[in-house]
């Protein structure tokens, strides 16, 4: 009996991948190629994504995946990517300026001075998006202030996943989950905000909006020749990778997901939201869920990135051993709680470690950091519950940090609710595939 396969093209900042997943959620084949930014040839010190280079890498990965499966079983293809980034385009397909990367610092001063266009509290009240320097709104303002002719000439501003969808189908669309990262939408209407666009002096030049699961077109002849995907295969909208990681985790309404990696990202799926100054100051950002009617309020902080610093600083002799994490965890399990206190705001305060004594052991430092991160999760959950008007009865943990049993035990102790790690590491591509299969009616 034939199975039904969806190809997910996943464009990440570190790697781009092609992944084949069947209707049972099983990954049948995947190929990954490193991704990287490039210097902006038009702006000294700027960073861009080379879309043609990325497309070439995805073509290579897709061909390799198709060689490992029965491509006659492929029923659809979809794309996920990082948020906010996109490019000004002509209807002809001409790109007027490269995709400015979220890692580029040219827009940081714009976010700091956004109130020359619109009061920050009002901007947050409408959009729900917090003050990240890479937000799409800042790129629009950068064009306005530095290359106004680009905005005059462009027919559409197209987000990264849709640039790749256009490569497959020739169609231009805007998916809602990417739009929701822009700081230019109305969180309550799931549409672009005319008030925000007017404030920054821009027309709505985004292509028609589609929802995750909508069929946006079919693989055209050119894309079929390049990738090996059969011509006419339906192409389904997905979008921002974070939303599909949440969906792929199996989280339901009023359930919370902690994506635990270099960064810890705590997000919920809820029908209720607030956009108060208090939540703005607390760092809450709110995005559109993969399903209309739901929202994803969230917070993020440095997580395993701090643990990696401990590894390289205190475990230098064992740092390259394959079982280094087991060594660290076993030692911390034996260490009793001490008076050590770890301030984990490495980004704003450079971190604080207090209570050190002459007999302090490295295992105690590691355990104290895990305890501090568990407390951070508790504080962040309380803020999320306030933002979404719900009370969590459990928390789902995905990502590399979900495999650390001691960390999960400390989280559970601090939170007072069950912590449920899941084995599935590929929640983003799984979520995108399940949305695509549902959209295809299979």
Protein backbone atom coordinates (compact mmCIF):
# COMPACT_ATOMS: atom_id res chain seq x y z
CA UNK A 1 0.00 0.00 0.00
CA UNK A 2 1.42 3.38 -1.02
CA UNK A 3 2.23 5.91 1.67
CA UNK A 4 1.70 9.66 1.39
CA UNK A 5 4.83 11.78 1.57
CA UNK A 6 5.28 15.52 2.10
CA UNK A 7 8.58 17.23 1.35
CA UNK A 8 9.39 20.00 3.85
CA UNK A 9 12.03 22.52 2.82
CA UNK A 10 13.37 24.00 6.06
CA UNK A 11 15.48 27.13 5.69
CA UNK A 12 17.29 27.74 8.96
CA UNK A 13 20.03 30.18 9.83
CA UNK A 14 22.59 27.39 10.32
CA UNK A 15 21.37 24.77 7.87
CA UNK A 16 18.89 24.38 5.03
CA UNK A 17 17.24 20.99 4.71
CA UNK A 18 14.94 18.88 2.65
CA UNK A 19 12.96 16.38 4.71
CA UNK A 20 10.56 13.66 3.52
CA UNK A 21 7.83 12.81 6.05
CA UNK A 22 4.93 10.40 5.66
CA UNK A 23 1.37 10.71 6.93
CA UNK A 24 2.31 8.87 10.16
CA UNK A 25 4.89 11.50 11.02
CA UNK A 26 7.87 9.30 10.22
CA UNK A 27 10.93 10.93 8.68
CA UNK A 28 11.88 8.80 5.67
CA UNK A 29 14.88 10.77 4.44
CA UNK A 30 16.56 14.11 5.00
CA UNK A 31 19.54 16.01 3.69
CA UNK A 32 21.13 19.11 5.17
CA UNK A 33 23.46 21.75 3.72
CA UNK A 34 25.13 24.49 5.82
CA UNK A 35 23.63 27.96 5.50
CA UNK A 36 25.31 31.30 6.05
CA UNK A 37 24.87 35.02 5.60
CA UNK A 38 26.87 37.00 3.06
CA UNK A 39 28.29 40.53 3.19
CA UNK A 40 25.92 43.06 1.67
CA UNK A 41 27.55 44.33 -1.55
CA UNK A 42 25.47 47.51 -1.29
CA UNK A 43 26.11 48.39 2.38
CA UNK A 44 29.42 48.18 4.21
CA UNK A 45 29.18 45.91 7.25
CA UNK A 46 25.71 44.69 6.30
CA UNK A 47 24.63 41.05 6.19
CA UNK A 48 22.26 39.48 3.68
CA UNK A 49 20.84 36.11 2.69
CA UNK A 50 21.62 35.11 -0.89
CA UNK A 51 18.29 33.61 -1.97
CA UNK A 52 19.67 32.08 -5.15
CA UNK A 53 22.45 30.42 -3.17
CA UNK A 54 19.93 29.10 -0.63
CA UNK A 55 17.69 27.85 -3.44
CA UNK A 56 20.64 26.02 -4.98
CA UNK A 57 21.35 24.31 -1.66
CA UNK A 58 17.70 23.31 -1.30
CA UNK A 59 17.70 21.95 -4.86
CA UNK A 60 20.74 19.82 -4.04
CA UNK A 61 19.21 18.54 -0.79
CA UNK A 62 15.85 17.84 -2.45
CA UNK A 63 17.43 15.78 -5.22
CA UNK A 64 19.28 13.70 -2.64
CA UNK A 65 16.09 13.09 -0.64
CA UNK A 66 14.09 12.13 -3.73
CA UNK A 67 16.76 9.57 -4.62
CA UNK A 68 16.07 7.84 -1.30
CA UNK A 69 12.26 7.60 -1.56
CA UNK A 70 9.61 6.71 -4.11
CA UNK A 71 8.86 10.17 -5.48
CA UNK A 72 5.57 9.00 -6.98
CA UNK A 73 4.31 8.91 -3.37
CA UNK A 74 4.96 12.63 -2.85
CA UNK A 75 1.63 14.44 -2.47
CA UNK A 76 2.84 17.94 -1.58
CA UNK A 77 5.65 20.27 -0.63
CA UNK A 78 5.86 23.07 1.93
CA UNK A 79 8.44 25.51 3.33
CA UNK A 80 9.39 26.86 6.77
CA UNK A 81 11.98 29.48 7.66
CA UNK A 82 13.10 32.01 10.26
CA UNK A 83 10.92 35.06 10.79
CA UNK A 84 10.96 38.75 9.76
CA UNK A 85 13.31 38.57 6.74
CA UNK A 86 12.19 39.23 3.19
CA UNK A 87 12.92 41.24 0.06
CA UNK A 88 11.37 43.94 -2.17
CA UNK A 89 10.26 42.37 -5.46
CA UNK A 90 8.84 43.29 -8.84
CA UNK A 91 5.92 41.27 -10.21
CA UNK A 92 8.33 40.02 -12.86
CA UNK A 93 10.31 38.22 -10.16
CA UNK A 94 13.17 40.74 -10.11
CA UNK A 95 14.60 41.25 -6.62
CA UNK A 96 15.28 44.94 -6.05
CA UNK A 97 17.50 44.47 -2.98
CA UNK A 98 18.88 41.36 -1.25
CA UNK A 99 17.22 39.91 1.85
CA UNK A 100 18.62 41.83 4.84
CA UNK A 101 19.44 39.25 7.52
CA UNK A 102 18.03 39.40 11.03
CA UNK A 103 21.69 39.22 12.13
CA UNK A 104 22.48 42.56 10.46
CA UNK A 105 22.87 45.43 12.91
CA UNK A 106 21.99 48.28 10.55
CA UNK A 107 18.43 48.44 11.93
CA UNK A 108 19.33 48.57 15.65
CA UNK A 109 19.35 52.41 15.79
CA UNK A 110 15.98 52.49 14.02
CA UNK A 111 14.28 50.39 16.70
CA UNK A 112 15.76 52.63 19.41
CA UNK A 113 14.27 55.69 17.69
CA UNK A 114 10.99 54.17 16.48
CA UNK A 115 8.96 56.80 18.33
CA UNK A 116 9.84 59.39 15.70
CA UNK A 117 7.22 57.50 13.67
CA UNK A 118 4.80 56.00 16.20
CA UNK A 119 4.64 55.80 20.02
CA UNK A 120 6.20 52.52 21.13
CA UNK A 121 3.35 51.63 23.48
CA UNK A 122 0.83 52.10 20.67
CA UNK A 123 2.97 50.05 18.29
CA UNK A 124 3.08 47.20 20.80
CA UNK A 125 -0.62 47.57 21.63
CA UNK A 126 -1.50 46.97 17.99
CA UNK A 127 1.11 44.43 16.90
CA UNK A 128 1.95 42.54 20.10
CA UNK A 129 5.55 42.19 18.86
CA UNK A 130 8.33 43.28 21.18
CA UNK A 131 11.22 45.58 20.35
CA UNK A 132 13.61 43.34 18.44
CA UNK A 133 15.96 45.35 16.23
CA UNK A 134 15.50 42.88 13.36
CA UNK A 135 11.72 43.34 13.10
CA UNK A 136 10.57 43.88 9.52
CA UNK A 137 9.23 47.33 10.30
CA UNK A 138 12.78 48.53 10.92
CA UNK A 139 13.88 47.29 7.51
CA UNK A 140 11.06 49.22 5.85
CA UNK A 141 12.16 52.35 7.69
CA UNK A 142 15.80 51.70 6.72
CA UNK A 143 14.75 51.58 3.06
CA UNK A 144 12.67 54.73 3.55
CA UNK A 145 15.57 56.63 5.08
CA UNK A 146 18.38 55.25 2.90
CA UNK A 147 16.99 53.84 -0.35
CA UNK A 148 13.52 55.30 -0.80
CA UNK A 149 13.58 54.48 -4.51
CA UNK A 150 13.43 50.77 -3.64
CA UNK A 151 10.06 51.20 -1.90
CA UNK A 152 8.79 53.28 -4.81
CA UNK A 153 9.79 50.65 -7.37
CA UNK A 154 8.71 47.50 -5.54
CA UNK A 155 5.42 45.77 -6.27
CA UNK A 156 5.61 43.40 -3.30
CA UNK A 157 7.59 42.81 -0.14
CA UNK A 158 7.96 39.03 0.06
CA UNK A 159 9.00 37.07 3.16
CA UNK A 160 11.64 34.35 2.96
CA UNK A 161 9.36 31.26 2.78
CA UNK A 162 7.29 32.92 0.07
CA UNK A 163 10.42 33.80 -1.94
CA UNK A 164 11.09 30.06 -2.06
CA UNK A 165 7.42 29.28 -2.77
CA UNK A 166 7.73 31.62 -5.73
CA UNK A 167 10.71 29.61 -6.97
CA UNK A 168 8.46 26.53 -6.95
CA UNK A 169 5.24 27.98 -8.32
CA UNK A 170 5.75 31.46 -9.75
CA UNK A 171 3.10 32.73 -7.31
CA UNK A 172 3.54 35.53 -4.77
CA UNK A 173 1.80 35.15 -1.37
CA UNK A 174 2.18 36.23 2.24
CA UNK A 175 1.60 33.64 4.94
CA UNK A 176 0.13 34.89 8.20
CA UNK A 177 2.71 33.37 10.54
CA UNK A 178 5.51 35.29 8.84
CA UNK A 179 3.45 38.48 8.67
CA UNK A 180 2.93 38.20 12.43
CA UNK A 181 6.67 38.56 13.06
CA UNK A 182 6.89 41.89 11.20
CA UNK A 183 5.63 44.32 13.89
CA UNK A 184 3.33 45.66 11.17
CA UNK A 185 0.21 43.57 11.73
CA UNK A 186 -2.79 43.93 14.02
CA UNK A 187 -2.62 41.03 16.44
CA UNK A 188 -6.40 41.05 16.88
CA UNK A 189 -7.38 41.02 13.20
CA UNK A 190 -4.62 38.80 11.75
CA UNK A 191 -4.09 41.43 9.05
CA UNK A 192 -1.62 44.21 8.32
CA UNK A 193 -2.33 47.37 10.31
CA UNK A 194 -3.16 50.40 8.22
CA UNK A 195 -2.37 52.61 11.23
CA UNK A 196 1.16 51.26 11.50
CA UNK A 197 1.73 51.39 7.73
CA UNK A 198 0.45 54.97 7.60
CA UNK A 199 2.69 55.95 10.52
CA UNK A 200 5.83 54.85 8.69
CA UNK A 201 4.59 56.24 5.36
CA UNK A 202 4.12 52.96 3.51
CA UNK A 203 1.38 51.43 1.44
CA UNK A 204 0.34 47.82 1.91
CA UNK A 205 2.51 46.21 -0.75
CA UNK A 206 2.36 42.68 0.57
CA UNK A 207 1.01 39.89 -1.66
CA UNK A 208 -2.33 38.29 -0.81
CA UNK A 209 -2.37 36.66 2.61
CA UNK A 210 -2.75 32.89 2.93
CA UNK A 211 -3.15 30.66 5.96
CA UNK A 212 -0.99 27.65 6.81
CA UNK A 213 -2.38 24.68 4.92
CA UNK A 214 -3.65 26.72 1.97
CA UNK A 215 -2.58 25.42 -1.43
CA UNK A 216 -0.78 28.32 -3.14
CA UNK A 217 0.06 26.69 -6.46
CA UNK A 218 1.76 23.75 -8.12
CA UNK A 219 5.36 22.90 -8.91
CA UNK A 220 6.03 24.46 -12.29
CA UNK A 221 8.16 23.08 -15.15
CA UNK A 222 11.29 25.06 -14.27
CA UNK A 223 11.22 24.04 -10.60
CA UNK A 224 10.50 20.44 -11.54
CA UNK A 225 13.56 20.29 -13.80
CA UNK A 226 15.74 21.85 -11.11
CA UNK A 227 14.59 19.83 -8.10
CA UNK A 228 13.30 16.58 -9.57
CA UNK A 229 9.91 17.08 -7.89
CA UNK A 230 7.19 15.98 -10.32
CA UNK A 231 5.51 18.85 -12.13
CA UNK A 232 2.05 19.68 -10.82
CA UNK A 233 2.66 18.60 -7.20
CA UNK A 234 0.67 20.94 -4.91
CA UNK A 235 2.66 23.51 -2.92
CA UNK A 236 1.19 24.29 0.51
CA UNK A 237 1.76 27.36 2.68
CA UNK A 238 3.53 26.93 6.01
CA UNK A 239 5.75 29.79 7.26
CA UNK A 240 7.56 30.78 10.45
CA UNK A 241 9.41 27.82 11.93
CA UNK A 242 8.56 28.65 15.58
CA UNK A 243 4.82 28.28 15.01
CA UNK A 244 5.23 24.87 13.44
CA UNK A 245 7.52 23.67 16.20
CA UNK A 246 4.71 24.45 18.64
CA UNK A 247 2.12 22.75 16.43
CA UNK A 248 4.38 19.74 15.90
CA UNK A 249 4.85 19.32 19.64
CA UNK A 250 1.18 18.38 19.95
CA UNK A 251 0.39 21.34 22.21
CA UNK A 252 -3.31 22.18 22.46
CA UNK A 253 -5.10 25.34 23.53
CA UNK A 254 -3.70 26.77 26.78
CA UNK A 255 -0.76 24.38 26.67
CA UNK A 256 2.78 25.69 27.02
CA UNK A 257 5.85 24.59 25.07
CA UNK A 258 9.43 25.21 26.13
CA UNK A 259 11.88 24.90 23.26
CA UNK A 260 15.13 24.28 25.11
CA UNK A 261 18.32 24.84 23.19
CA UNK A 262 21.00 27.54 22.99
CA UNK A 263 18.05 29.82 23.59
CA UNK A 264 15.06 28.87 25.69
CA UNK A 265 11.80 29.94 24.05
CA UNK A 266 8.66 29.60 26.14
CA UNK A 267 5.42 29.93 24.19
CA UNK A 268 1.77 29.09 24.67
CA UNK A 269 -1.24 28.49 22.45
CA UNK A 270 -4.07 30.65 23.75
CA UNK A 271 -7.21 32.40 22.56
CA UNK A 272 -6.74 35.39 24.88
CA UNK A 273 -4.06 38.06 24.77
CA UNK A 274 -3.08 41.35 26.36
CA UNK A 275 -0.71 44.01 25.03
CA UNK A 276 -0.07 46.20 28.04
CA UNK A 277 2.98 48.33 28.80
CA UNK A 278 3.78 45.94 31.64
CA UNK A 279 4.02 43.01 29.23
CA UNK A 280 6.04 45.12 26.78
CA UNK A 281 8.52 45.90 29.55
CA UNK A 282 8.63 42.24 30.59
CA UNK A 283 9.67 41.19 27.10
CA UNK A 284 6.52 39.37 25.97
CA UNK A 285 6.09 39.06 22.23
CA UNK A 286 2.90 37.69 20.66
CA UNK A 287 2.70 35.98 17.28
CA UNK A 288 -0.06 34.41 15.21
CA UNK A 289 -0.55 30.70 15.84
CA UNK A 290 -0.59 28.30 12.90
CA UNK A 291 -4.36 28.16 13.42
CA UNK A 292 -6.60 31.26 13.17
CA UNK A 293 -8.19 32.22 16.49
CA UNK A 294 -5.15 31.26 18.54
CA UNK A 295 -2.07 33.23 19.51
CA UNK A 296 1.45 32.41 20.66
CA UNK A 297 2.63 34.73 23.44
CA UNK A 298 6.23 34.01 24.30
CA UNK A 299 9.46 34.96 26.02
CA UNK A 300 13.03 33.93 25.36
CA UNK A 301 16.33 33.91 27.21
CA UNK A 302 19.77 32.38 26.89
CA UNK A 303 19.64 28.73 28.03
CA UNK A 304 22.09 26.04 26.95
CA UNK A 305 24.37 28.80 25.71
CA UNK A 306 25.19 29.44 29.39
CA UNK A 307 25.67 25.73 30.05
CA UNK A 308 28.10 25.60 27.13
CA UNK A 309 30.08 28.40 28.75
CA UNK A 310 30.27 26.30 31.94
CA UNK A 311 31.36 23.29 29.91
CA UNK A 312 34.23 25.14 28.25
CA UNK A 313 35.24 27.03 31.39
CA UNK A 314 35.02 24.40 34.14
CA UNK A 315 35.26 21.12 32.22
CA UNK A 316 38.20 21.83 29.92
CA UNK A 317 39.86 18.43 30.40
CA UNK A 318 36.70 16.53 29.40
CA UNK A 319 35.18 19.13 27.09
CA UNK A 320 35.63 17.10 23.91
CA UNK A 321 34.52 13.77 25.31
CA UNK A 322 31.35 12.35 23.76
CA UNK A 323 29.81 11.77 27.22
CA UNK A 324 30.71 15.22 28.58
CA UNK A 325 27.06 16.06 29.29
CA UNK A 326 26.59 12.81 31.23
CA UNK A 327 29.68 13.66 33.27
CA UNK A 328 28.31 17.10 34.08
CA UNK A 329 24.83 15.85 34.93
CA UNK A 330 26.01 12.97 37.13
CA UNK A 331 28.23 15.32 39.09
CA UNK A 332 25.43 17.85 39.56
CA UNK A 333 23.04 15.11 40.72
CA UNK A 334 25.43 14.29 43.56
CA UNK A 335 26.00 17.94 44.46
CA UNK A 336 23.73 19.35 47.13
CA UNK A 337 22.10 22.73 46.76
CA UNK A 338 24.42 25.43 48.09
CA UNK A 339 24.36 29.15 48.70
CA UNK A 340 25.55 29.70 45.15
CA UNK A 341 23.41 32.11 43.16
CA UNK A 342 23.67 32.44 39.40
CA UNK A 343 22.36 35.53 37.64
CA UNK A 344 21.65 34.25 34.15
CA UNK A 345 20.97 37.51 32.31
CA UNK A 346 24.22 37.16 30.37
CA UNK A 347 23.03 39.51 27.64
CA UNK A 348 22.16 42.54 29.75
CA UNK A 349 24.20 42.10 32.93
CA UNK A 350 27.05 39.84 31.77
CA UNK A 351 25.96 37.22 34.30
CA UNK A 352 26.47 37.09 38.06
CA UNK A 353 27.81 34.21 40.16
CA UNK A 354 27.74 34.89 43.89
CA UNK A 355 28.31 32.81 47.02
CA UNK A 356 31.57 31.26 45.83
CA UNK A 357 33.79 29.75 48.50
CA UNK A 358 37.22 28.20 48.57
CA UNK A 359 35.66 24.74 48.55
CA UNK A 360 33.11 25.39 45.80
CA UNK A 361 33.09 22.63 43.20
CA UNK A 362 32.34 22.92 39.51
CA UNK A 363 29.41 20.50 39.90
CA UNK A 364 27.82 22.99 42.27
CA UNK A 365 28.24 25.79 39.76
CA UNK A 366 26.54 23.68 37.10
CA UNK A 367 23.69 22.71 39.40
CA UNK A 368 23.21 26.30 40.55
CA UNK A 369 22.89 27.35 36.91
CA UNK A 370 20.28 24.68 36.21
CA UNK A 371 18.35 25.84 39.28
CA UNK A 372 18.55 29.47 38.14
CA UNK A 373 17.29 28.51 34.68
CA UNK A 374 14.42 26.57 36.28
CA UNK A 375 13.48 29.68 38.28
CA UNK A 376 13.60 31.73 35.09
CA UNK A 377 11.16 29.29 33.49
CA UNK A 378 8.79 29.68 36.45
CA UNK A 379 8.92 33.48 36.32
CA UNK A 380 8.41 33.48 32.57
CA UNK A 381 5.47 31.10 32.82
CA UNK A 382 3.77 33.41 35.31
CA UNK A 383 4.14 36.28 32.86
CA UNK A 384 2.76 34.15 30.01
CA UNK A 385 -0.24 33.12 32.08
CA UNK A 386 -0.94 36.80 32.68
CA UNK A 387 -0.56 37.62 28.98
CA UNK A 388 -2.80 34.77 27.83
CA UNK A 389 -5.32 34.71 30.69
CA UNK A 390 -4.87 31.02 31.49
CA UNK A 391 -3.32 28.71 34.06
CA UNK A 392 -0.96 26.00 32.82
CA UNK A 393 -1.34 22.51 34.25
CA UNK A 394 1.77 21.12 32.54
CA UNK A 395 4.61 22.13 30.24
CA UNK A 396 5.91 20.36 27.12
CA UNK A 397 9.69 20.49 26.62
CA UNK A 398 11.30 19.98 23.21
CA UNK A 399 14.81 20.45 21.90
CA UNK A 400 18.21 19.38 23.15
CA UNK A 401 17.56 20.52 26.74
CA UNK A 402 14.58 18.16 26.97
CA UNK A 403 16.97 15.20 27.34
CA UNK A 404 18.59 16.53 30.54
CA UNK A 405 16.72 14.58 33.26
CA UNK A 406 18.14 16.59 36.15
CA UNK A 407 17.17 19.86 34.50
CA UNK A 408 13.63 18.57 33.96
CA UNK A 409 13.43 17.46 37.61
CA UNK A 410 14.51 20.91 38.79
CA UNK A 411 12.01 22.54 36.44
CA UNK A 412 9.22 20.35 37.75
CA UNK A 413 10.18 21.07 41.36
CA UNK A 414 10.22 24.82 40.71
CA UNK A 415 7.04 24.93 38.62
CA UNK A 416 4.95 22.56 40.70
CA UNK A 417 3.36 21.09 37.57
CA UNK A 418 4.33 18.13 35.35
CA UNK A 419 7.16 18.69 32.88
CA UNK A 420 6.67 16.51 29.79
CA UNK A 421 9.74 16.10 27.57
CA UNK A 422 8.99 14.57 24.19
CA UNK A 423 11.38 12.46 22.16
CA UNK A 424 10.49 14.04 18.82
CA UNK A 425 13.29 16.50 18.01
CA UNK A 426 11.97 17.48 14.60
CA UNK A 427 8.82 19.26 15.74
CA UNK A 428 9.17 22.07 13.18
CA UNK A 429 9.21 19.89 10.07
CA UNK A 430 6.68 17.50 11.61
CA UNK A 431 4.29 20.38 12.32
CA UNK A 432 4.70 21.77 8.81
CA UNK A 433 4.10 18.35 7.25
CA UNK A 434 0.97 17.71 9.32
CA UNK A 435 -0.46 21.12 8.38
CA UNK A 436 0.28 20.40 4.72
CA UNK A 437 -1.34 16.96 4.83
CA UNK A 438 -4.43 18.46 6.44
CA UNK A 439 -4.52 21.20 3.79
CA UNK A 440 -4.29 18.61 1.04
CA UNK A 441 -7.28 16.80 2.50
CA UNK A 442 -5.33 13.61 3.17
